[in-house]
Amino acid sequence: MISIPDDFINYKSTPEFTKATIPKMFLHLHNTKAGVYGKIGVTKGQLKFYGFTSRRGEVEQEVIIEAGDSGISPPEYWHKVAFLTDDTEFHVDFYAQKDSDIVKQNLSERND
């Protein structure tokens, strides 16, 4: 099981996504930025997380995330999600090392 390092903090979160509001990029192959973990939290329904060996690689893992559970995508990991129920809702919390530039940049934007 992948875990987020202790010195990483949540610097940004998405709104709750549904089938009607999800940005299309989440349904297609994409990756997390260098140094960033994505924590996918399902609040309703079920979501399937697909992890790939590389951008054009094979599916390496398929994980079903149930309501109340979460899954983690490590930095620079190619992945996509699929709705398993029509009522699925989820959000993504992004984590990076607390002293990293991405954290400093995002937290300063919140305070502007």
Protein backbone atom coordinates (compact mmCIF):
# COMPACT_ATOMS: atom_id res chain seq x y z
CA MET A 1 0.00 0.00 0.00
CA ILE A 2 1.34 3.40 -0.99
CA SER A 3 1.49 6.01 1.74
CA ILE A 4 2.22 9.72 1.71
CA PRO A 5 5.47 10.67 3.49
CA ASP A 6 5.06 12.27 6.93
CA ASP A 7 6.67 15.57 5.89
CA PHE A 8 4.18 16.10 3.04
CA ILE A 9 1.17 18.39 3.51
CA ASN A 10 -2.13 18.89 1.68
CA TYR A 11 -1.68 22.05 -0.34
CA LYS A 12 -4.66 21.86 -2.71
CA SER A 13 -7.96 20.00 -3.10
CA THR A 14 -10.47 19.66 -5.89
CA PRO A 15 -14.20 20.13 -5.44
CA GLU A 16 -16.41 17.03 -5.28
CA PHE A 17 -16.70 15.53 -8.77
CA THR A 18 -19.69 13.63 -10.16
CA LYS A 19 -20.29 12.11 -13.60
CA ALA A 20 -21.71 15.49 -14.66
CA THR A 21 -18.89 17.65 -13.30
CA ILE A 22 -15.70 15.62 -13.68
CA PRO A 23 -13.03 17.22 -15.88
CA LYS A 24 -12.55 14.85 -18.84
CA MET A 25 -8.79 14.60 -18.19
CA PHE A 26 -9.46 12.47 -15.11
CA LEU A 27 -11.14 9.85 -17.32
CA HIS A 28 -8.11 9.66 -19.62
CA LEU A 29 -4.49 8.79 -18.98
CA HIS A 30 -2.72 11.55 -17.02
CA ASN A 31 -0.10 11.77 -14.30
CA THR A 32 0.68 13.59 -11.10
CA LYS A 33 3.41 16.23 -11.04
CA ALA A 34 6.93 15.49 -9.84
CA GLY A 35 6.97 15.49 -6.02
CA VAL A 36 3.16 15.40 -5.74
CA TYR A 37 0.91 12.65 -4.39
CA GLY A 38 -2.79 12.62 -5.26
CA LYS A 39 -5.14 11.16 -2.65
CA ILE A 40 -8.47 10.20 -4.20
CA GLY A 41 -11.29 10.22 -1.66
CA VAL A 42 -14.58 8.61 -2.66
CA THR A 43 -17.53 10.03 -0.72
CA LYS A 44 -20.33 8.19 -2.53
CA GLY A 45 -20.54 5.17 -4.83
CA GLN A 46 -17.49 3.40 -6.28
CA LEU A 47 -14.58 4.48 -8.43
CA LYS A 48 -12.04 2.34 -10.27
CA PHE A 49 -8.43 3.56 -10.33
CA TYR A 50 -6.22 2.28 -13.15
CA GLY A 51 -2.44 2.59 -12.77
CA PHE A 52 -0.11 2.16 -15.75
CA THR A 53 3.54 1.13 -16.05
CA SER A 54 4.21 4.15 -18.30
CA ARG A 55 2.42 6.61 -20.58
CA ARG A 56 1.98 4.01 -23.28
CA GLY A 57 2.35 1.05 -20.95
CA GLU A 58 0.12 -1.72 -19.77
CA VAL A 59 -2.33 -1.54 -16.88
CA GLU A 60 -0.31 -2.40 -13.81
CA GLN A 61 -3.07 -2.17 -11.24
CA GLU A 62 -6.83 -1.80 -10.97
CA VAL A 63 -8.18 -0.73 -7.60
CA ILE A 64 -11.82 -0.27 -6.67
CA ILE A 65 -12.24 2.58 -4.20
CA GLU A 66 -15.44 2.36 -2.17
CA ALA A 67 -17.31 5.23 -0.51
CA GLY A 68 -15.44 6.24 2.64
CA ASP A 69 -12.11 4.92 1.32
CA SER A 70 -9.25 6.52 -0.58
CA GLY A 71 -6.49 5.60 -2.98
CA ILE A 72 -3.13 7.24 -3.58
CA SER A 73 -1.39 8.03 -6.83
CA PRO A 74 2.35 8.62 -6.37
CA PRO A 75 4.35 11.35 -8.12
CA GLU A 76 4.64 11.11 -11.91
CA TYR A 77 2.42 8.01 -12.03
CA TRP A 78 0.25 7.49 -15.10
CA HIS A 79 -3.35 6.72 -14.18
CA LYS A 80 -7.03 7.30 -14.89
CA VAL A 81 -10.33 6.68 -13.10
CA ALA A 82 -13.71 5.28 -14.10
CA PHE A 83 -17.09 5.61 -12.42
CA LEU A 84 -18.53 2.27 -11.31
CA THR A 85 -21.85 3.72 -10.13
CA ASP A 86 -23.90 6.61 -11.51
CA ASP A 87 -24.00 8.31 -8.12
CA THR A 88 -20.22 8.23 -7.50
CA GLU A 89 -18.71 11.35 -5.98
CA PHE A 90 -15.03 11.93 -5.22
CA HIS A 91 -12.39 14.58 -4.72
CA VAL A 92 -8.61 14.68 -4.91
CA ASP A 93 -6.29 16.11 -2.25
CA PHE A 94 -2.80 16.96 -3.44
CA TYR A 95 0.21 16.57 -1.15
CA ALA A 96 3.81 17.76 -1.53
CA GLN A 97 6.84 18.17 0.75
CA LYS A 98 6.03 20.97 3.17
CA ASP A 99 9.03 23.12 2.17
CA SER A 100 8.66 22.59 -1.61
CA ASP A 101 8.10 25.39 -4.10
CA ILE A 102 4.71 23.97 -5.17
CA VAL A 103 3.45 24.15 -1.57
CA LYS A 104 4.79 27.68 -1.08
CA GLN A 105 3.26 28.82 -4.39
CA ASN A 106 -0.18 27.29 -3.75
CA LEU A 107 -0.43 28.39 -0.13
CA SER A 108 0.55 31.96 -1.03
CA GLU A 109 -2.17 32.01 -3.73
CA ARG A 110 -4.75 31.02 -1.07
CA ASN A 111 -3.72 33.99 1.05
CA ASP A 112 -3.82 36.58 -1.75
